[in-house]
Amino acid sequence: QVQLVESGGGLVQAGGSLRLSCAASGRTFDPLNGYTVAWFRQAPGKERDFIVSMNWRSTSTRDVDSVKDRFTISKDNAKNTVSLQMNSLKPEDTAVYYCAAARLGLRIGVSAGEYEYWGQGTQVTVSS
């Protein structure tokens, strides 16, 4: 079992940057080993959408076109943390951002239904 806690959200002007972090804890010292971790976001009245994911072991990643070249996922093994660096933010990036984890083998899941563990979410608001 894995517990995830996001941090780093806030209010930023268009064109600015934010860095979100997701700290993992669990029964072992390496709780995300063997997991795929991902970031999703959900705007008011909309579905929860996939943004980017990373296989913890292989570090292979996958993202969507809307964030390509602007958002970067990374991990810190020592801190059991996965981060999302968001640059060149746009008003349409405004949403609650969630990190998620699941045992998917070497797959990099893009559907919310594939993920078992979720953080509580952190609000990102981009003003124009």
Foldseek 3Di string as FASTA:
>chain_A
DKAKAKDWADEEAAQAKTKMKIFIDDDDQQVLQQKKKFKWWDAPPGDIFTAKIARPPVRDMDGDPVQPPFWDWDADRNRNMIMIIGGRDDQVVWTWMKMFMDRPGPDHDGDPVRTDYIHPTDTHGYHD
